[in-house]
């Protein structure tokens, strides 16, 4: 009983203090040790022999993706490509379709591998100008950015280089394009439901006589708080503002085609054709982890696609990127904190899973809809993402602790691993966007708005819409399998 109380207390404290802004690097090991104390397990051994190996294992596997993704995003920003996509779509769609322009701009950038932080800084000034011209309430900007940046492009669309689409690959021996049909269906539902909500809210505000407004809310978030968020991610406020305001970027066609289409296309070519055709028998040797190409080709494909896209960005935009070395350094620095934050949450999950009381939690989760492991998997991943306030963190905990069980259950039920992959990825988007989520807090800070002003709409497009899409995908997957 005390062991279960310790787990619940540690989870509650993790949520509370994360919401209050305490670093996960400090929180995760401390809260794990709280649970250990209640369970009367060895304290130091749990930290050095369980927490740290789990943390190190995550970093060893996924740090290249965080590193290359951050560098790619920094080069997109430095070359003016990020801002060019936002401006180009805004000019073509016009203020009349302000919400759609913002959503699509964010979607193109994140589907191409640019981080939410860069996207928000690049798109926010454009969104503010469009919304003001169209008379759309300022309070809808965060939800519009959220819909495009961390819903369907993060979890559902096949081939996305987002870490949420990469983490399931070694567990299920899949590629970033697992169950593409279901991914497209889920992504389309998220986009349709979220856009319908935002458009309805905009029309309701117009009927009520509400315009852009919000000028007084600009002081709601102190500048030093916003600077903390930026510096915490390795960025400088002045540089990001300058990049977003710059008008000397490339054309929309070049900004989209050169890096973004290239990332997705190369990802597919490597994962489906080139890597499977390689002679990789050496992977069975102990020095290479005694593994197989199926377990690594997904990660290899994303690494190769991002690396080549980075090289192309540097070549195509050599004149626009004035300080390439600094851009590379800043991108590399910006990758460290996110990967360590997520890895710390993985370490927390590993410690919790090692405690005797966790067996009751595991059995309860696996017992949900015993005839359909997809339902149990979807619930487990979504709940853990909500508890940790992190899509990748919740997914990692679920798969580290229960991934092997779900794979066995799926095999027994003749369920394709690709279906497990897509359900897992989509399930990370939903409860992860509760108010204590770091991306939500950062987004509101960038938009100079508060939870009270804008979170309800974020909840509708980034929590309820993805959950509705998840339910549809699980139902379709149950009826028709992976497609």
Protein backbone atom coordinates (compact mmCIF):
# COMPACT_ATOMS: atom_id res chain seq x y z
CA UNK A 1 0.00 0.00 0.00
CA UNK A 2 2.80 2.43 0.90
CA UNK A 3 4.55 1.62 -2.38
CA UNK A 4 1.46 2.54 -4.41
CA UNK A 5 1.04 5.72 -2.33
CA UNK A 6 4.63 6.64 -3.11
CA UNK A 7 4.12 6.20 -6.85
CA UNK A 8 0.94 8.29 -6.84
CA UNK A 9 2.55 10.98 -4.66
CA UNK A 10 5.61 11.18 -6.90
CA UNK A 11 3.42 11.49 -10.01
CA UNK A 12 1.26 14.20 -8.43
CA UNK A 13 4.33 16.13 -7.31
CA UNK A 14 5.90 15.80 -10.77
CA UNK A 15 2.80 17.35 -12.35
CA UNK A 16 2.53 20.14 -9.77
CA UNK A 17 6.14 21.25 -9.77
CA UNK A 18 6.49 20.93 -13.56
CA UNK A 19 3.51 23.26 -13.88
CA UNK A 20 5.24 25.65 -11.47
CA UNK A 21 8.26 25.71 -13.79
CA UNK A 22 10.74 23.54 -11.89
CA UNK A 23 13.25 21.86 -14.22
CA UNK A 24 12.51 18.24 -15.07
CA UNK A 25 16.25 17.56 -14.75
CA UNK A 26 15.84 18.16 -11.02
CA UNK A 27 12.28 16.93 -10.65
CA UNK A 28 12.52 13.53 -12.33
CA UNK A 29 15.28 11.99 -10.17
CA UNK A 30 13.91 13.57 -6.98
CA UNK A 31 10.38 12.32 -7.56
CA UNK A 32 11.69 8.88 -8.54
CA UNK A 33 13.59 8.71 -5.26
CA UNK A 34 10.44 9.72 -3.36
CA UNK A 35 8.69 6.68 -4.81
CA UNK A 36 11.71 4.53 -3.94
CA UNK A 37 11.64 5.68 -0.31
CA UNK A 38 7.97 4.75 0.05
CA UNK A 39 8.69 1.33 -1.47
CA UNK A 40 11.70 0.81 0.83
CA UNK A 41 13.85 -0.10 -2.16
CA UNK A 42 17.61 0.67 -2.26
CA UNK A 43 17.92 4.42 -2.76
CA UNK A 44 21.34 4.89 -4.36
CA UNK A 45 21.10 1.68 -6.37
CA UNK A 46 17.79 2.84 -7.86
CA UNK A 47 19.45 6.07 -8.94
CA UNK A 48 22.76 4.76 -10.31
CA UNK A 49 21.64 1.33 -11.57
CA UNK A 50 18.13 2.04 -12.83
CA UNK A 51 17.55 5.77 -13.40
CA UNK A 52 20.88 6.63 -15.01
CA UNK A 53 21.15 3.62 -17.37
CA UNK A 54 17.61 4.33 -18.64
CA UNK A 55 18.48 8.01 -19.14
CA UNK A 56 21.74 7.13 -20.89
CA UNK A 57 20.05 4.55 -23.11
CA UNK A 58 17.52 7.09 -24.37
CA UNK A 59 20.24 9.66 -25.07
CA UNK A 60 22.37 7.06 -26.87
CA UNK A 61 19.49 6.11 -29.16
CA UNK A 62 17.80 9.42 -29.87
CA UNK A 63 20.33 12.22 -29.33
CA UNK A 64 21.26 12.30 -33.06
CA UNK A 65 17.61 13.03 -33.90
CA UNK A 66 17.39 15.86 -31.35
CA UNK A 67 20.75 17.25 -32.50
CA UNK A 68 20.05 17.17 -36.23
CA UNK A 69 16.49 18.38 -35.75
CA UNK A 70 17.62 21.38 -33.71
CA UNK A 71 20.39 22.25 -36.18
CA UNK A 72 17.97 21.93 -39.09
CA UNK A 73 15.47 24.21 -37.35
CA UNK A 74 18.16 26.78 -36.61
CA UNK A 75 19.26 26.83 -40.25
CA UNK A 76 15.64 27.18 -41.39
CA UNK A 77 15.42 30.20 -39.16
CA UNK A 78 18.80 31.69 -40.10
CA UNK A 79 18.16 31.27 -43.84
CA UNK A 80 14.81 33.06 -43.59
CA UNK A 81 13.00 29.94 -44.84
CA UNK A 82 10.77 29.65 -41.78
CA UNK A 83 9.59 33.24 -42.04
CA UNK A 84 9.24 32.93 -45.84
CA UNK A 85 6.78 30.06 -45.47
CA UNK A 86 4.68 32.04 -43.02
CA UNK A 87 4.71 35.17 -45.16
CA UNK A 88 4.16 33.30 -48.41
CA UNK A 89 1.07 31.47 -47.20
CA UNK A 90 -0.29 34.62 -45.58
CA UNK A 91 0.08 36.57 -48.84
CA UNK A 92 -1.57 33.85 -50.92
CA UNK A 93 -4.46 33.07 -48.60
CA UNK A 94 -4.93 36.63 -47.35
CA UNK A 95 -6.36 38.00 -44.13
CA UNK A 96 -9.75 36.50 -44.99
CA UNK A 97 -8.28 33.06 -44.29
CA UNK A 98 -5.99 34.15 -41.47
CA UNK A 99 -6.59 31.10 -39.28
CA UNK A 100 -6.02 28.64 -42.12
CA UNK A 101 -2.86 30.48 -43.23
CA UNK A 102 -1.35 30.25 -39.74
CA UNK A 103 -2.29 26.58 -39.29
CA UNK A 104 -0.86 25.56 -42.68
CA UNK A 105 2.33 27.57 -42.19
CA UNK A 106 2.98 25.86 -38.86
CA UNK A 107 2.10 22.46 -40.33
CA UNK A 108 4.54 22.80 -43.23
CA UNK A 109 7.36 23.85 -40.92
CA UNK A 110 6.86 21.14 -38.30
CA UNK A 111 6.28 18.40 -40.89
CA UNK A 112 9.64 19.39 -42.31
CA UNK A 113 11.37 18.95 -38.96
CA UNK A 114 11.44 22.48 -37.55
CA UNK A 115 10.92 22.68 -33.78
CA UNK A 116 7.81 24.21 -32.28
CA UNK A 117 9.87 26.94 -30.63
CA UNK A 118 11.30 28.21 -33.91
CA UNK A 119 7.92 27.87 -35.61
CA UNK A 120 6.13 29.89 -32.95
CA UNK A 121 8.67 32.71 -33.07
CA UNK A 122 8.67 32.80 -36.87
CA UNK A 123 4.90 32.64 -37.32
CA UNK A 124 3.60 34.67 -34.37
CA UNK A 125 4.39 38.16 -35.80
CA UNK A 126 2.77 37.17 -39.10
CA UNK A 127 -0.24 35.70 -37.30
CA UNK A 128 -0.65 38.85 -35.21
CA UNK A 129 -0.68 41.05 -38.31
CA UNK A 130 -3.11 38.78 -40.17
CA UNK A 131 -5.49 38.42 -37.22
CA UNK A 132 -5.48 42.17 -36.60
CA UNK A 133 -6.26 42.90 -40.27
CA UNK A 134 -9.04 40.28 -40.35
CA UNK A 135 -10.49 41.26 -36.99
CA UNK A 136 -9.94 37.78 -35.54
CA UNK A 137 -9.43 37.77 -31.74
CA UNK A 138 -5.82 37.69 -30.66
CA UNK A 139 -6.66 35.02 -28.08
CA UNK A 140 -7.10 32.49 -30.93
CA UNK A 141 -3.49 32.80 -32.13
CA UNK A 142 -2.01 30.23 -29.70
CA UNK A 143 -4.64 27.62 -30.61
CA UNK A 144 -4.05 28.22 -34.34
CA UNK A 145 -0.31 27.72 -33.90
CA UNK A 146 -0.90 24.69 -31.68
CA UNK A 147 -3.18 23.03 -34.22
CA UNK A 148 -0.59 23.34 -36.97
CA UNK A 149 2.50 22.70 -34.89
CA UNK A 150 1.83 19.95 -32.36
CA UNK A 151 -1.10 17.85 -33.43
CA UNK A 152 -1.35 16.05 -36.79
CA UNK A 153 2.17 16.85 -38.07
CA UNK A 154 3.70 15.69 -34.79
CA UNK A 155 1.99 12.33 -34.40
CA UNK A 156 -0.17 11.27 -37.33
CA UNK A 157 1.23 12.12 -40.76
CA UNK A 158 3.45 9.33 -42.12
CA UNK A 159 7.10 10.17 -42.47
CA UNK A 160 7.20 13.06 -40.03
CA UNK A 161 10.69 13.36 -38.51
CA UNK A 162 9.19 14.33 -35.13
CA UNK A 163 10.65 12.38 -32.21
CA UNK A 164 7.14 11.17 -31.37
CA UNK A 165 7.15 9.24 -34.65
CA UNK A 166 10.66 7.90 -34.07
CA UNK A 167 10.47 6.52 -30.53
CA UNK A 168 8.17 3.55 -31.34
CA UNK A 169 10.42 2.29 -34.18
CA UNK A 170 12.97 0.22 -32.23
CA UNK A 171 10.23 -1.28 -30.06
CA UNK A 172 8.09 -2.48 -32.98
CA UNK A 173 10.73 -2.76 -35.76
CA UNK A 174 8.88 -0.22 -37.88
CA UNK A 175 9.69 2.82 -40.05
CA UNK A 176 8.48 6.45 -39.92
CA UNK A 177 5.87 5.53 -42.56
CA UNK A 178 4.11 2.88 -40.46
CA UNK A 179 0.37 2.54 -41.23
CA UNK A 180 0.35 5.57 -43.58
CA UNK A 181 -3.34 5.34 -44.43
CA UNK A 182 -4.42 5.42 -40.80
CA UNK A 183 -1.98 8.24 -40.17
CA UNK A 184 -3.48 10.33 -42.96
CA UNK A 185 -7.02 9.62 -41.73
CA UNK A 186 -6.10 10.57 -38.16
CA UNK A 187 -4.26 13.69 -39.29
CA UNK A 188 -7.15 14.80 -41.50
CA UNK A 189 -9.58 14.39 -38.61
CA UNK A 190 -7.39 16.45 -36.27
CA UNK A 191 -7.06 19.21 -38.85
CA UNK A 192 -10.76 19.21 -39.75
CA UNK A 193 -12.02 19.19 -36.16
CA UNK A 194 -9.51 21.78 -34.97
CA UNK A 195 -10.07 24.12 -37.91
CA UNK A 196 -13.85 23.81 -37.60
CA UNK A 197 -13.64 24.80 -33.94
CA UNK A 198 -11.40 27.81 -34.57
CA UNK A 199 -13.51 29.06 -37.46
CA UNK A 200 -16.67 28.72 -35.36
CA UNK A 201 -15.04 30.62 -32.52
CA UNK A 202 -13.95 33.35 -34.91
CA UNK A 203 -17.44 33.73 -36.39
CA UNK A 204 -18.99 33.79 -32.91
CA UNK A 205 -16.60 36.52 -31.84
CA UNK A 206 -17.42 38.57 -34.93
CA UNK A 207 -21.16 38.27 -34.28
CA UNK A 208 -20.55 39.43 -30.72
CA UNK A 209 -18.65 42.47 -31.97
CA UNK A 210 -15.27 41.28 -30.68
CA UNK A 211 -12.29 42.31 -32.76
CA UNK A 212 -8.57 41.66 -32.49
CA UNK A 213 -8.20 43.44 -29.15
CA UNK A 214 -5.70 42.19 -26.66
CA UNK A 215 -3.38 45.18 -26.80
CA UNK A 216 -3.51 45.43 -23.02
CA UNK A 217 -2.66 41.74 -22.71
CA UNK A 218 0.80 42.28 -24.14
CA UNK A 219 2.05 42.92 -20.63
CA UNK A 220 0.44 39.79 -19.24
CA UNK A 221 3.69 37.86 -19.60
CA UNK A 222 6.80 39.70 -18.42
CA UNK A 223 9.62 40.04 -20.93
CA UNK A 224 12.06 38.37 -18.58
CA UNK A 225 9.77 35.32 -18.35
CA UNK A 226 9.72 35.08 -22.13
CA UNK A 227 13.50 35.41 -22.20
CA UNK A 228 13.78 32.53 -19.74
CA UNK A 229 11.78 30.29 -22.08
CA UNK A 230 13.93 31.26 -25.06
CA UNK A 231 17.23 30.89 -23.23
CA UNK A 232 16.08 27.60 -21.78
CA UNK A 233 15.77 26.31 -25.34
CA UNK A 234 19.12 27.77 -26.39
CA UNK A 235 17.75 30.70 -28.38
CA UNK A 236 18.14 34.45 -28.10
CA UNK A 237 15.00 36.63 -28.14
CA UNK A 238 16.52 39.41 -30.23
CA UNK A 239 17.80 37.01 -32.86
CA UNK A 240 14.48 35.18 -33.11
CA UNK A 241 12.53 38.43 -33.43
CA UNK A 242 14.92 39.68 -36.07
CA UNK A 243 14.64 36.44 -38.02
CA UNK A 244 10.84 36.52 -37.85
CA UNK A 245 10.73 40.14 -39.03
CA UNK A 246 13.28 39.72 -41.80
CA UNK A 247 11.93 40.18 -45.31
CA UNK A 248 15.07 39.03 -47.12
CA UNK A 249 14.27 35.34 -47.11
CA UNK A 250 13.90 32.96 -50.05
CA UNK A 251 10.80 32.45 -52.14
CA UNK A 252 7.99 30.27 -50.82
CA UNK A 253 8.73 27.57 -53.40
CA UNK A 254 12.39 27.37 -52.42
CA UNK A 255 11.61 27.51 -48.70
CA UNK A 256 9.19 24.58 -49.01
CA UNK A 257 10.83 22.47 -51.69
CA UNK A 258 14.48 22.58 -50.74
CA UNK A 259 14.38 21.42 -47.12
CA UNK A 260 10.87 20.30 -46.22
CA UNK A 261 9.91 18.13 -49.19
CA UNK A 262 13.48 16.84 -49.22
CA UNK A 263 13.32 15.71 -45.57
CA UNK A 264 10.16 13.65 -46.09
CA UNK A 265 11.22 12.28 -49.50
CA UNK A 266 14.68 11.24 -48.32
CA UNK A 267 13.18 9.72 -45.19
CA UNK A 268 11.01 7.48 -47.36
CA UNK A 269 13.79 6.57 -49.80
CA UNK A 270 16.20 5.59 -47.03
CA UNK A 271 13.69 3.68 -44.90
CA UNK A 272 11.95 1.83 -47.74
CA UNK A 273 14.66 1.28 -50.36
CA UNK A 274 18.27 2.17 -49.63
CA UNK A 275 18.76 0.86 -46.09
CA UNK A 276 16.90 -2.45 -46.65
CA UNK A 277 19.07 -3.02 -49.74
CA UNK A 278 22.30 -2.59 -47.79
CA UNK A 279 24.36 -5.53 -46.54
CA UNK A 280 23.86 -5.15 -42.77
CA UNK A 281 24.69 -8.63 -41.54
CA UNK A 282 27.43 -7.14 -39.40
CA UNK A 283 24.74 -5.79 -37.05
CA UNK A 284 24.43 -9.28 -35.53
CA UNK A 285 27.95 -8.94 -34.09
CA UNK A 286 28.19 -8.10 -30.36
CA UNK A 287 30.17 -4.91 -31.00
CA UNK A 288 27.18 -3.54 -32.95
CA UNK A 289 24.63 -4.49 -30.32
CA UNK A 290 23.66 -7.92 -31.73
CA UNK A 291 20.68 -6.35 -33.46
CA UNK A 292 19.08 -6.33 -36.89
CA UNK A 293 18.47 -3.70 -39.54
CA UNK A 294 14.72 -3.70 -38.82
CA UNK A 295 15.41 -2.29 -35.37
CA UNK A 296 17.58 0.57 -36.58
CA UNK A 297 16.52 1.47 -40.11
CA UNK A 298 13.84 3.93 -38.97
CA UNK A 299 16.30 5.93 -36.87
CA UNK A 300 18.98 5.63 -39.56
CA UNK A 301 16.57 6.95 -42.19
CA UNK A 302 15.69 10.07 -40.20
CA UNK A 303 19.36 10.72 -39.38
CA UNK A 304 20.35 10.44 -43.05
CA UNK A 305 17.41 12.55 -44.26
CA UNK A 306 18.07 15.37 -41.79
CA UNK A 307 21.83 15.30 -42.36
CA UNK A 308 21.47 15.61 -46.14
CA UNK A 309 18.81 18.30 -45.79
CA UNK A 310 21.12 20.28 -43.50
CA UNK A 311 23.87 20.03 -46.12
CA UNK A 312 21.48 21.24 -48.80
CA UNK A 313 20.33 24.17 -46.66
CA UNK A 314 23.93 25.23 -46.15
CA UNK A 315 24.65 24.95 -49.88
CA UNK A 316 21.48 26.61 -51.22
CA UNK A 317 21.41 29.42 -48.67
CA UNK A 318 25.14 30.00 -48.32
CA UNK A 319 24.72 33.76 -48.93
CA UNK A 320 21.68 34.13 -46.67
CA UNK A 321 23.15 32.32 -43.66
CA UNK A 322 25.66 34.96 -42.64
CA UNK A 323 27.17 33.04 -39.71
CA UNK A 324 26.80 29.33 -40.51
CA UNK A 325 29.18 28.22 -37.77
CA UNK A 326 27.20 30.13 -35.18
CA UNK A 327 23.93 28.70 -36.50
CA UNK A 328 25.34 25.18 -36.22
CA UNK A 329 26.65 25.85 -32.72
CA UNK A 330 23.39 27.39 -31.54
CA UNK A 331 21.38 24.52 -32.97
CA UNK A 332 23.62 21.96 -31.30
CA UNK A 333 23.35 23.78 -27.96
CA UNK A 334 19.57 23.99 -28.29
CA UNK A 335 19.31 20.19 -28.61
CA UNK A 336 20.87 19.36 -25.26
CA UNK A 337 18.17 20.47 -22.82
CA UNK A 338 15.21 18.88 -24.66
CA UNK A 339 16.89 15.49 -24.98
CA UNK A 340 17.99 15.49 -21.34
CA UNK A 341 14.53 16.57 -20.16
CA UNK A 342 12.90 13.68 -22.03
CA UNK A 343 15.61 11.23 -20.99
CA UNK A 344 15.11 12.23 -17.34
CA UNK A 345 11.42 11.40 -17.66
CA UNK A 346 12.41 8.04 -19.13
CA UNK A 347 14.65 7.47 -16.12
CA UNK A 348 11.75 8.33 -13.82
CA UNK A 349 9.57 5.80 -15.60
CA UNK A 350 12.25 3.11 -15.37
CA UNK A 351 12.51 3.58 -11.60
CA UNK A 352 8.73 3.45 -11.18
CA UNK A 353 8.61 0.28 -13.30
CA UNK A 354 11.26 -1.36 -11.10
CA UNK A 355 9.17 -1.01 -7.93
CA UNK A 356 7.04 -3.94 -6.72
CA UNK A 357 3.86 -1.79 -6.58
CA UNK A 358 4.11 -1.10 -10.30
CA UNK A 359 3.00 -4.63 -11.05
CA UNK A 360 -0.54 -3.72 -9.97
CA UNK A 361 -0.52 -0.68 -12.27
CA UNK A 362 0.82 -2.75 -15.16
CA UNK A 363 -1.81 -5.43 -14.71
CA UNK A 364 -4.58 -2.82 -14.50
CA UNK A 365 -3.44 -1.09 -17.70
CA UNK A 366 -2.96 -4.35 -19.60
CA UNK A 367 -6.36 -5.47 -18.39
CA UNK A 368 -8.14 -2.61 -20.15
CA UNK A 369 -10.11 -4.11 -23.05
CA UNK A 370 -8.24 -7.45 -22.80
CA UNK A 371 -9.43 -8.54 -26.22
CA UNK A 372 -8.03 -5.42 -27.92
CA UNK A 373 -4.49 -4.33 -26.96
CA UNK A 374 -4.87 -1.22 -29.13
CA UNK A 375 -7.34 0.26 -26.65
CA UNK A 376 -5.10 -0.50 -23.69
CA UNK A 377 -2.06 0.92 -25.50
CA UNK A 378 -3.90 4.10 -26.47
CA UNK A 379 -5.10 4.70 -22.91
CA UNK A 380 -1.72 3.95 -21.32
CA UNK A 381 0.28 6.24 -23.62
CA UNK A 382 -2.22 9.11 -23.45
CA UNK A 383 -2.52 9.00 -19.66
CA UNK A 384 1.26 8.84 -19.14
CA UNK A 385 1.76 11.72 -21.61
CA UNK A 386 -0.75 13.72 -19.59
CA UNK A 387 0.89 12.85 -16.28
CA UNK A 388 4.35 13.85 -17.46
CA UNK A 389 3.15 16.80 -19.56
CA UNK A 390 5.27 15.45 -22.41
CA UNK A 391 4.29 13.47 -25.50
CA UNK A 392 7.73 11.94 -25.95
CA UNK A 393 8.23 11.44 -22.22
CA UNK A 394 4.90 9.69 -21.71
CA UNK A 395 5.43 7.51 -24.77
CA UNK A 396 8.92 6.55 -23.66
CA UNK A 397 7.75 5.54 -20.19
CA UNK A 398 4.90 3.47 -21.64
CA UNK A 399 7.09 1.67 -24.16
CA UNK A 400 10.03 1.14 -21.82
CA UNK A 401 7.77 -0.45 -19.23
CA UNK A 402 5.07 -2.11 -21.32
CA UNK A 403 6.26 -2.13 -24.94
CA UNK A 404 7.31 -5.79 -24.95
CA UNK A 405 3.98 -6.83 -23.41
CA UNK A 406 2.02 -4.97 -26.08
CA UNK A 407 4.09 -6.49 -28.87
CA UNK A 408 3.41 -9.99 -27.50
CA UNK A 409 -0.31 -9.23 -27.16
CA UNK A 410 -0.43 -7.85 -30.70
CA UNK A 411 1.33 -10.88 -32.13
CA UNK A 412 -1.11 -13.17 -30.32
CA UNK A 413 -4.03 -11.18 -31.75
CA UNK A 414 -2.47 -11.00 -35.27
CA UNK A 415 -2.17 -7.21 -35.06
CA UNK A 416 0.53 -5.67 -37.27
CA UNK A 417 3.40 -3.86 -35.49
CA UNK A 418 2.81 -0.92 -37.84
CA UNK A 419 -0.61 -0.45 -36.31
CA UNK A 420 0.90 -0.45 -32.81
CA UNK A 421 3.36 2.21 -33.96
CA UNK A 422 0.72 4.54 -35.38
CA UNK A 423 -1.65 4.17 -32.43
CA UNK A 424 1.23 4.83 -30.03
CA UNK A 425 2.34 7.94 -31.90
CA UNK A 426 -1.17 9.40 -32.20
CA UNK A 427 -1.91 8.58 -28.54
CA UNK A 428 0.92 10.86 -27.42
CA UNK A 429 -1.02 13.85 -28.74
CA UNK A 430 -3.95 14.64 -26.49
CA UNK A 431 -3.52 14.74 -22.75
CA UNK A 432 0.10 15.77 -23.26
CA UNK A 433 -1.20 19.30 -24.00
CA UNK A 434 -2.70 19.82 -20.55
CA UNK A 435 -1.88 23.18 -18.91
CA UNK A 436 1.43 22.04 -17.38
CA UNK A 437 2.90 21.05 -20.76
CA UNK A 438 6.11 22.95 -21.47
CA UNK A 439 5.21 23.64 -25.11
CA UNK A 440 1.86 25.14 -24.04
CA UNK A 441 3.54 27.40 -21.48
CA UNK A 442 6.19 28.48 -24.00
CA UNK A 443 3.62 29.13 -26.73
CA UNK A 444 1.50 31.33 -24.47
CA UNK A 445 4.60 33.25 -23.43
CA UNK A 446 5.59 33.89 -27.04
CA UNK A 447 2.07 35.09 -27.84
CA UNK A 448 2.02 37.26 -24.68
CA UNK A 449 -1.21 35.68 -23.46
CA UNK A 450 -2.28 33.73 -20.40
CA UNK A 451 -3.87 30.34 -19.79
CA UNK A 452 -7.07 32.12 -18.80
CA UNK A 453 -7.22 33.98 -22.11
CA UNK A 454 -6.30 31.22 -24.56
CA UNK A 455 -6.00 27.77 -23.03
CA UNK A 456 -9.62 26.71 -23.57
CA UNK A 457 -9.17 26.90 -27.34
CA UNK A 458 -5.79 25.12 -27.12
CA UNK A 459 -7.56 22.38 -25.16
CA UNK A 460 -10.21 21.98 -27.86
CA UNK A 461 -7.78 21.72 -30.79
CA UNK A 462 -4.77 20.04 -29.15
CA UNK A 463 -6.44 17.76 -26.59
CA UNK A 464 -10.00 16.88 -27.60
CA UNK A 465 -9.48 16.81 -31.39
CA UNK A 466 -6.46 14.44 -31.22
CA UNK A 467 -8.31 12.18 -28.77
CA UNK A 468 -11.29 12.03 -31.14
CA UNK A 469 -8.94 11.17 -34.00
CA UNK A 470 -7.25 8.52 -31.84
CA UNK A 471 -10.60 6.87 -31.14
CA UNK A 472 -11.35 6.79 -34.87
CA UNK A 473 -7.93 5.32 -35.71
CA UNK A 474 -8.24 2.60 -33.04
CA UNK A 475 -11.71 1.72 -34.35
CA UNK A 476 -10.55 1.59 -37.97
CA UNK A 477 -7.42 -0.35 -37.03
CA UNK A 478 -9.49 -2.87 -35.11
CA UNK A 479 -11.84 -3.38 -38.07
CA UNK A 480 -9.42 -3.26 -40.98
CA UNK A 481 -5.92 -3.60 -39.56
CA UNK A 482 -2.98 -1.42 -40.64
CA UNK A 483 -3.29 0.38 -43.97
